[in-house]
Structures are given as C-alpha cells and as structure tokens.
Amino acid sequence: MSRLRVLIIDDDVKVCEYLQELLTPDGCEVVAINDPQAGLEKLKAQETFHILILDLKMPGINGLELLEKIRKVDKDIAAIILTAYPSLESATDAINLDVSAYMQKPFSGEDMRETIARVARKKGIVVRREDELHITIGARIREERRKKQLTLKQMHKRAGLSVSLLSQIERAESSASVSSLFKIANSLDVRISELFGDF
C-alpha cells in the first residue's frame, strides 16, 4: 500500500495541526507549512507529494496564485483548495488550474478524509485499508459478473439495485451496504464472503 504524502500550506496554524492529527492515523505522511513561499520552496526542492491542501486566502499571496507557481514545478500534484469565502470566480479559476477539490471552511473531518480518499483513488493511490477492501469487493463482483456473462443492466434486474450504484461499487467509488452486498451475492449465486477476497 502506497504511503500518501500530503503537503498542507495554510497560514492558520490550528488548521495545519488539525489536518495533521486527522490524516496521520490514516497512514498519510503529512507536512504542514504556514508560509506560502516556504511551501513553494519545498516543492522546488523536488520533494514528492501526492496531494496539496492549500488555503485560498493567505497574506501576501492567494492560494490560486501560489498554485499557478506550483504547477510550473509540479504538474501532477493533486490540489485541494480550502476557503472560508467561496465564490464562483475562485471556483472557476480553481477548475482552470486543475484543482481536484474545492472545500468550504469549516469542513468536517469525515468530509476531508472522504475527499482525500477520492482524490487519491483517482491518482491510483490507496490510502486506507478500507479503500483496499472496496477495491477488492468491486473487482470480485466484476470478475464474477463477467464469468457469468452478465451485463450491469441484467445485474440491476436480478439485484434490484440501480445500474449506476452497481457501477460505482465495481469501480470502488461507493461503499456497498451489507444489504446491497447480500443482493449482489445472491444475484451472482455466490456466498457473500467470497466477495471479500482475502479480507
């Protein structure tokens, strides 16, 4: 399992401390910096980070201006913008700078963890053991469905679950409830435990 490296650039020390405490137990390696210029220098020093959490409003430079400079150094880093003052203009600018997520402050810990997990999955990085489980279940369902030559539409009829939900479960974009897994296992004529692989 890859260790996710997260760089936080936010002038608010409390936000940095909170995010460090929140993400470190999930197996993330978190570096928090309060000075925007020092954050840019860290990336210029060729340190590898997978995700950047960036405050929009900081003294001297705003987060999007800083991200523009960061993109010249690291085009691949996934960026999550934090702002207490969301606006259509900043959201549009964020999209143009290939921002992965735009979050309003205050945010819940669960929202941040979900956002990090979603962004990491898109980058092909597994963050939590729980994500590995979702990926395993999705792969096992797809494998069994293909073995039995069933389409998602046929699975929908058998399991009574929407095609989009079945597709999201297979791609590990949505966690399946026990009830959904039971219906899927029945429709594939397998024991529910078989969907869990080696877990």
C-alpha atoms as a PDB file:
ATOM      1  CA  MET A   1       0.000   0.000   0.000  1.00  0.00           C
ATOM      2  CA  SER A   2       1.465   3.390  -1.019  1.00  0.00           C
ATOM      3  CA  ARG A   3       2.079   5.889   1.737  1.00  0.00           C
ATOM      4  CA  LEU A   4       0.268   9.050   0.764  1.00  0.00           C
ATOM      5  CA  ARG A   5       2.371  12.204   1.160  1.00  0.00           C
ATOM      6  CA  VAL A   6       0.288  15.308   1.847  1.00  0.00           C
ATOM      7  CA  LEU A   7       1.601  18.881   1.859  1.00  0.00           C
ATOM      8  CA  ILE A   8      -0.538  21.470   3.644  1.00  0.00           C
ATOM      9  CA  ILE A   9       0.068  25.168   3.012  1.00  0.00           C
ATOM     10  CA  ASP A  10      -2.128  27.292   5.268  1.00  0.00           C
ATOM     11  CA  ASP A  11      -1.200  30.360   7.340  1.00  0.00           C
ATOM     12  CA  ASP A  12      -3.596  29.171  10.083  1.00  0.00           C
ATOM     13  CA  VAL A  13      -1.517  27.030  12.474  1.00  0.00           C
ATOM     14  CA  LYS A  14      -4.653  25.485  14.023  1.00  0.00           C
ATOM     15  CA  VAL A  15      -5.896  24.221  10.616  1.00  0.00           C
ATOM     16  CA  CYS A  16      -2.463  22.677   9.954  1.00  0.00           C
ATOM     17  CA  GLU A  17      -2.403  20.951  13.347  1.00  0.00           C
ATOM     18  CA  TYR A  18      -5.977  19.695  12.936  1.00  0.00           C
ATOM     19  CA  LEU A  19      -5.272  18.228   9.483  1.00  0.00           C
ATOM     20  CA  GLN A  20      -2.050  16.598  10.712  1.00  0.00           C
ATOM     21  CA  GLU A  21      -3.910  14.950  13.605  1.00  0.00           C
ATOM     22  CA  LEU A  22      -6.740  13.901  11.287  1.00  0.00           C
ATOM     23  CA  LEU A  23      -4.713  12.394   8.436  1.00  0.00           C
ATOM     24  CA  THR A  24      -1.684  10.849  10.151  1.00  0.00           C
ATOM     25  CA  PRO A  25      -3.683   7.940  11.720  1.00  0.00           C
ATOM     26  CA  ASP A  26      -4.933   7.095   8.177  1.00  0.00           C
ATOM     27  CA  GLY A  27      -1.341   6.319   7.219  1.00  0.00           C
ATOM     28  CA  CYS A  28      -0.649   9.641   5.492  1.00  0.00           C
ATOM     29  CA  GLU A  29       2.714  11.333   5.812  1.00  0.00           C
ATOM     30  CA  VAL A  30       1.740  14.951   6.450  1.00  0.00           C
ATOM     31  CA  VAL A  31       3.955  18.027   6.147  1.00  0.00           C
ATOM     32  CA  ALA A  32       2.344  21.305   7.213  1.00  0.00           C
ATOM     33  CA  ILE A  33       3.802  24.716   6.343  1.00  0.00           C
ATOM     34  CA  ASN A  34       2.419  28.105   7.402  1.00  0.00           C
ATOM     35  CA  ASP A  35       4.479  30.200   4.993  1.00  0.00           C
ATOM     36  CA  PRO A  36       3.384  30.043   1.308  1.00  0.00           C
ATOM     37  CA  GLN A  37       6.890  30.814  -0.008  1.00  0.00           C
ATOM     38  CA  ALA A  38       8.442  28.067   2.144  1.00  0.00           C
ATOM     39  CA  GLY A  39       5.823  25.638   0.753  1.00  0.00           C
ATOM     40  CA  LEU A  40       6.789  26.551  -2.806  1.00  0.00           C
ATOM     41  CA  GLU A  41      10.495  26.110  -1.973  1.00  0.00           C
ATOM     42  CA  LYS A  42       9.771  22.643  -0.540  1.00  0.00           C
ATOM     43  CA  LEU A  43       8.238  21.591  -3.876  1.00  0.00           C
ATOM     44  CA  LYS A  44      11.056  23.239  -5.858  1.00  0.00           C
ATOM     45  CA  ALA A  45      13.463  21.074  -3.838  1.00  0.00           C
ATOM     46  CA  GLN A  46      11.920  18.129  -5.730  1.00  0.00           C
ATOM     47  CA  GLU A  47      10.218  16.629  -2.683  1.00  0.00           C
ATOM     48  CA  THR A  48       7.461  14.277  -3.798  1.00  0.00           C
ATOM     49  CA  PHE A  49       3.950  14.921  -2.543  1.00  0.00           C
ATOM     50  CA  HIS A  50       0.773  13.310  -3.886  1.00  0.00           C
ATOM     51  CA  ILE A  51      -1.751  15.806  -2.527  1.00  0.00           C
ATOM     52  CA  LEU A  52      -1.549  19.513  -1.775  1.00  0.00           C
ATOM     53  CA  ILE A  53      -4.054  21.117   0.607  1.00  0.00           C
ATOM     54  CA  LEU A  54      -3.941  24.848   0.013  1.00  0.00           C
ATOM     55  CA  ASP A  55      -5.685  27.768   1.702  1.00  0.00           C
ATOM     56  CA  LEU A  56      -7.208  30.284  -0.704  1.00  0.00           C
ATOM     57  CA  LYS A  57      -6.634  33.431   1.394  1.00  0.00           C
ATOM     58  CA  MET A  58      -3.129  33.911   2.783  1.00  0.00           C
ATOM     59  CA  PRO A  59      -1.105  37.044   3.497  1.00  0.00           C
ATOM     60  CA  GLY A  60       0.919  38.275   0.535  1.00  0.00           C
ATOM     61  CA  ILE A  61      -0.376  35.750  -1.999  1.00  0.00           C
ATOM     62  CA  ASN A  62      -3.642  33.941  -2.571  1.00  0.00           C
ATOM     63  CA  GLY A  63      -3.788  30.184  -2.917  1.00  0.00           C
ATOM     64  CA  LEU A  64      -4.579  30.220  -6.643  1.00  0.00           C
ATOM     65  CA  GLU A  65      -1.610  32.499  -7.430  1.00  0.00           C
ATOM     66  CA  LEU A  66       0.576  30.154  -5.402  1.00  0.00           C
ATOM     67  CA  LEU A  67      -0.898  27.123  -7.191  1.00  0.00           C
ATOM     68  CA  GLU A  68      -0.059  28.726 -10.540  1.00  0.00           C
ATOM     69  CA  LYS A  69       3.599  28.856  -9.439  1.00  0.00           C
ATOM     70  CA  ILE A  70       3.409  25.310  -8.039  1.00  0.00           C
ATOM     71  CA  ARG A  71       2.031  23.974 -11.362  1.00  0.00           C
ATOM     72  CA  LYS A  72       5.251  25.178 -13.057  1.00  0.00           C
ATOM     73  CA  VAL A  73       7.226  22.980 -10.629  1.00  0.00           C
ATOM     74  CA  ASP A  74       4.810  20.013 -10.222  1.00  0.00           C
ATOM     75  CA  LYS A  75       2.050  19.482 -12.774  1.00  0.00           C
ATOM     76  CA  ASP A  76       0.909  16.166 -11.289  1.00  0.00           C
ATOM     77  CA  ILE A  77       0.222  17.042  -7.648  1.00  0.00           C
ATOM     78  CA  ALA A  78      -3.487  16.823  -6.777  1.00  0.00           C
ATOM     79  CA  ALA A  79      -4.654  20.098  -5.241  1.00  0.00           C
ATOM     80  CA  ILE A  80      -7.442  20.617  -2.722  1.00  0.00           C
ATOM     81  CA  ILE A  81      -8.382  24.261  -2.150  1.00  0.00           C
ATOM     82  CA  LEU A  82      -9.763  25.362   1.239  1.00  0.00           C
ATOM     83  CA  THR A  83     -11.715  28.594   1.569  1.00  0.00           C
ATOM     84  CA  ALA A  84     -13.934  30.299   4.097  1.00  0.00           C
ATOM     85  CA  TYR A  85     -15.138  32.608   1.298  1.00  0.00           C
ATOM     86  CA  PRO A  86     -16.237  30.505  -1.692  1.00  0.00           C
ATOM     87  CA  SER A  87     -17.071  32.401  -4.867  1.00  0.00           C
ATOM     88  CA  LEU A  88     -17.951  31.458  -8.417  1.00  0.00           C
ATOM     89  CA  GLU A  89     -14.879  33.320  -9.665  1.00  0.00           C
ATOM     90  CA  SER A  90     -12.423  31.459  -7.416  1.00  0.00           C
ATOM     91  CA  ALA A  91     -14.149  28.125  -8.159  1.00  0.00           C
ATOM     92  CA  THR A  92     -13.801  28.782 -11.913  1.00  0.00           C
ATOM     93  CA  ASP A  93     -10.130  29.756 -11.516  1.00  0.00           C
ATOM     94  CA  ALA A  94      -9.598  26.598  -9.447  1.00  0.00           C
ATOM     95  CA  ILE A  95     -11.061  24.439 -12.239  1.00  0.00           C
ATOM     96  CA  ASN A  96      -8.733  26.121 -14.764  1.00  0.00           C
ATOM     97  CA  LEU A  97      -5.769  25.202 -12.555  1.00  0.00           C
ATOM     98  CA  ASP A  98      -6.869  21.552 -12.464  1.00  0.00           C
ATOM     99  CA  VAL A  99      -7.911  21.582  -8.803  1.00  0.00           C
ATOM    100  CA  SER A 100      -9.160  18.172  -7.622  1.00  0.00           C
ATOM    101  CA  ALA A 101     -11.472  19.524  -4.890  1.00  0.00           C
ATOM    102  CA  TYR A 102     -12.716  22.875  -3.598  1.00  0.00           C
ATOM    103  CA  MET A 103     -13.794  22.744   0.059  1.00  0.00           C
ATOM    104  CA  GLN A 104     -15.503  25.316   2.203  1.00  0.00           C
ATOM    105  CA  LYS A 105     -14.230  26.031   5.726  1.00  0.00           C
ATOM    106  CA  PRO A 106     -15.250  24.879   8.240  1.00  0.00           C
ATOM    107  CA  PHE A 107     -15.294  21.273   6.978  1.00  0.00           C
ATOM    108  CA  SER A 108     -15.874  18.052   8.883  1.00  0.00           C
ATOM    109  CA  GLY A 109     -13.067  15.575   9.422  1.00  0.00           C
ATOM    110  CA  GLU A 110     -15.082  12.902   7.629  1.00  0.00           C
ATOM    111  CA  ASP A 111     -15.599  15.173   4.597  1.00  0.00           C
ATOM    112  CA  MET A 112     -11.862  15.808   4.406  1.00  0.00           C
ATOM    113  CA  ARG A 113     -10.994  12.114   4.775  1.00  0.00           C
ATOM    114  CA  GLU A 114     -13.514  11.175   2.060  1.00  0.00           C
ATOM    115  CA  THR A 115     -12.169  13.913  -0.237  1.00  0.00           C
ATOM    116  CA  ILE A 116      -8.556  12.787   0.299  1.00  0.00           C
ATOM    117  CA  ALA A 117      -9.532   9.149  -0.358  1.00  0.00           C
ATOM    118  CA  ARG A 118     -11.469  10.073  -3.533  1.00  0.00           C
ATOM    119  CA  VAL A 119      -8.646  12.252  -4.881  1.00  0.00           C
ATOM    120  CA  ALA A 120      -6.052   9.581  -4.054  1.00  0.00           C
ATOM    121  CA  ARG A 121      -8.120   6.856  -5.778  1.00  0.00           C
ATOM    122  CA  LYS A 122      -8.276   9.000  -8.925  1.00  0.00           C
ATOM    123  CA  LYS A 123      -4.486   9.225  -8.750  1.00  0.00           C
ATOM    124  CA  GLY A 124      -4.286   5.446  -8.336  1.00  0.00           C
ATOM    125  CA  ILE A 125      -3.074   5.601  -4.722  1.00  0.00           C
ATOM    126  CA  VAL A 126      -4.736   3.569  -1.985  1.00  0.00           C
ATOM    127  CA  VAL A 127      -4.864   5.473   1.295  1.00  0.00           C
ATOM    128  CA  ARG A 128      -6.739   3.362   3.801  1.00  0.00           C
ATOM    129  CA  ARG A 129      -7.168  -0.364   4.354  1.00  0.00           C
ATOM    130  CA  GLU A 130     -10.896   0.307   3.964  1.00  0.00           C
ATOM    131  CA  ASP A 131     -10.247   1.559   0.401  1.00  0.00           C
ATOM    132  CA  GLU A 132      -8.357  -1.653  -0.369  1.00  0.00           C
ATOM    133  CA  LEU A 133     -11.431  -3.578   0.768  1.00  0.00           C
ATOM    134  CA  HIS A 134     -13.726  -1.555  -1.554  1.00  0.00           C
ATOM    135  CA  ILE A 135     -11.344  -2.169  -4.473  1.00  0.00           C
ATOM    136  CA  THR A 136     -11.245  -5.926  -3.712  1.00  0.00           C
ATOM    137  CA  ILE A 137     -15.054  -6.186  -3.456  1.00  0.00           C
ATOM    138  CA  GLY A 138     -15.512  -4.236  -6.705  1.00  0.00           C
ATOM    139  CA  ALA A 139     -13.001  -6.408  -8.560  1.00  0.00           C
ATOM    140  CA  ARG A 140     -14.559  -9.656  -7.244  1.00  0.00           C
ATOM    141  CA  ILE A 141     -18.074  -8.544  -8.284  1.00  0.00           C
ATOM    142  CA  ARG A 142     -16.880  -7.557 -11.773  1.00  0.00           C
ATOM    143  CA  GLU A 143     -14.968 -10.844 -12.110  1.00  0.00           C
ATOM    144  CA  GLU A 144     -17.994 -12.971 -11.096  1.00  0.00           C
ATOM    145  CA  ARG A 145     -20.360 -10.920 -13.265  1.00  0.00           C
ATOM    146  CA  ARG A 146     -18.133 -11.363 -16.330  1.00  0.00           C
ATOM    147  CA  LYS A 147     -17.680 -15.068 -15.609  1.00  0.00           C
ATOM    148  CA  LYS A 148     -21.453 -15.423 -15.738  1.00  0.00           C
ATOM    149  CA  GLN A 149     -21.609 -13.115 -18.789  1.00  0.00           C
ATOM    150  CA  LEU A 150     -23.982 -10.679 -17.109  1.00  0.00           C
ATOM    151  CA  THR A 151     -24.289  -7.007 -18.025  1.00  0.00           C
ATOM    152  CA  LEU A 152     -24.817  -4.314 -15.386  1.00  0.00           C
ATOM    153  CA  LYS A 153     -28.376  -4.000 -16.697  1.00  0.00           C
ATOM    154  CA  GLN A 154     -29.022  -7.706 -16.074  1.00  0.00           C
ATOM    155  CA  MET A 155     -27.471  -7.362 -12.603  1.00  0.00           C
ATOM    156  CA  HIS A 156     -29.809  -4.437 -11.960  1.00  0.00           C
ATOM    157  CA  LYS A 157     -32.809  -6.650 -12.749  1.00  0.00           C
ATOM    158  CA  ARG A 158     -31.541  -9.503 -10.584  1.00  0.00           C
ATOM    159  CA  ALA A 159     -30.372  -7.480  -7.582  1.00  0.00           C
ATOM    160  CA  GLY A 160     -32.868  -4.633  -7.683  1.00  0.00           C
ATOM    161  CA  LEU A 161     -30.030  -2.083  -7.430  1.00  0.00           C
ATOM    162  CA  SER A 162     -29.507   0.792  -9.861  1.00  0.00           C
ATOM    163  CA  VAL A 163     -27.008   0.380 -12.700  1.00  0.00           C
ATOM    164  CA  SER A 164     -25.128   3.477 -11.506  1.00  0.00           C
ATOM    165  CA  LEU A 165     -24.789   2.127  -7.941  1.00  0.00           C
ATOM    166  CA  LEU A 166     -23.583  -1.261  -9.238  1.00  0.00           C
ATOM    167  CA  SER A 167     -21.081   0.521 -11.470  1.00  0.00           C
ATOM    168  CA  GLN A 168     -19.855   2.711  -8.568  1.00  0.00           C
ATOM    169  CA  ILE A 169     -19.420  -0.342  -6.330  1.00  0.00           C
ATOM    170  CA  GLU A 170     -17.429  -2.145  -9.038  1.00  0.00           C
ATOM    171  CA  ARG A 171     -15.176   0.890  -9.514  1.00  0.00           C
ATOM    172  CA  ALA A 172     -14.791   1.281  -5.705  1.00  0.00           C
ATOM    173  CA  GLU A 173     -16.279   4.765  -5.881  1.00  0.00           C
ATOM    174  CA  SER A 174     -19.071   3.887  -3.471  1.00  0.00           C
ATOM    175  CA  SER A 175     -19.091   1.599  -0.457  1.00  0.00           C
ATOM    176  CA  ALA A 176     -21.794  -1.038  -0.629  1.00  0.00           C
ATOM    177  CA  SER A 177     -24.114  -1.594   2.314  1.00  0.00           C
ATOM    178  CA  VAL A 178     -24.393  -5.125   3.740  1.00  0.00           C
ATOM    179  CA  SER A 179     -27.886  -5.293   2.228  1.00  0.00           C
ATOM    180  CA  SER A 180     -26.555  -4.357  -1.246  1.00  0.00           C
ATOM    181  CA  LEU A 181     -23.733  -6.895  -0.970  1.00  0.00           C
ATOM    182  CA  PHE A 182     -26.248  -9.576   0.030  1.00  0.00           C
ATOM    183  CA  LYS A 183     -28.404  -8.798  -3.049  1.00  0.00           C
ATOM    184  CA  ILE A 184     -25.346  -8.768  -5.329  1.00  0.00           C
ATOM    185  CA  ALA A 185     -24.032 -12.085  -3.939  1.00  0.00           C
ATOM    186  CA  ASN A 186     -27.481 -13.680  -4.402  1.00  0.00           C
ATOM    187  CA  SER A 187     -27.769 -12.437  -7.962  1.00  0.00           C
ATOM    188  CA  LEU A 188     -24.306 -13.841  -8.745  1.00  0.00           C
ATOM    189  CA  ASP A 189     -25.103 -17.089  -6.892  1.00  0.00           C
ATOM    190  CA  VAL A 190     -22.030 -16.811  -4.658  1.00  0.00           C
ATOM    191  CA  ARG A 191     -21.604 -16.630  -0.885  1.00  0.00           C
ATOM    192  CA  ILE A 192     -21.254 -13.071   0.375  1.00  0.00           C
ATOM    193  CA  SER A 193     -17.876 -13.942   1.972  1.00  0.00           C
ATOM    194  CA  GLU A 194     -16.476 -14.730  -1.499  1.00  0.00           C
ATOM    195  CA  LEU A 195     -16.762 -11.041  -2.403  1.00  0.00           C
ATOM    196  CA  PHE A 196     -14.250 -10.098   0.311  1.00  0.00           C
ATOM    197  CA  GLY A 197     -11.231 -11.848  -1.234  1.00  0.00           C
ATOM    198  CA  ASP A 198      -8.501 -12.299   1.402  1.00  0.00           C
ATOM    199  CA  PHE A 199     -10.009  -9.827   3.902  1.00  0.00           C
END
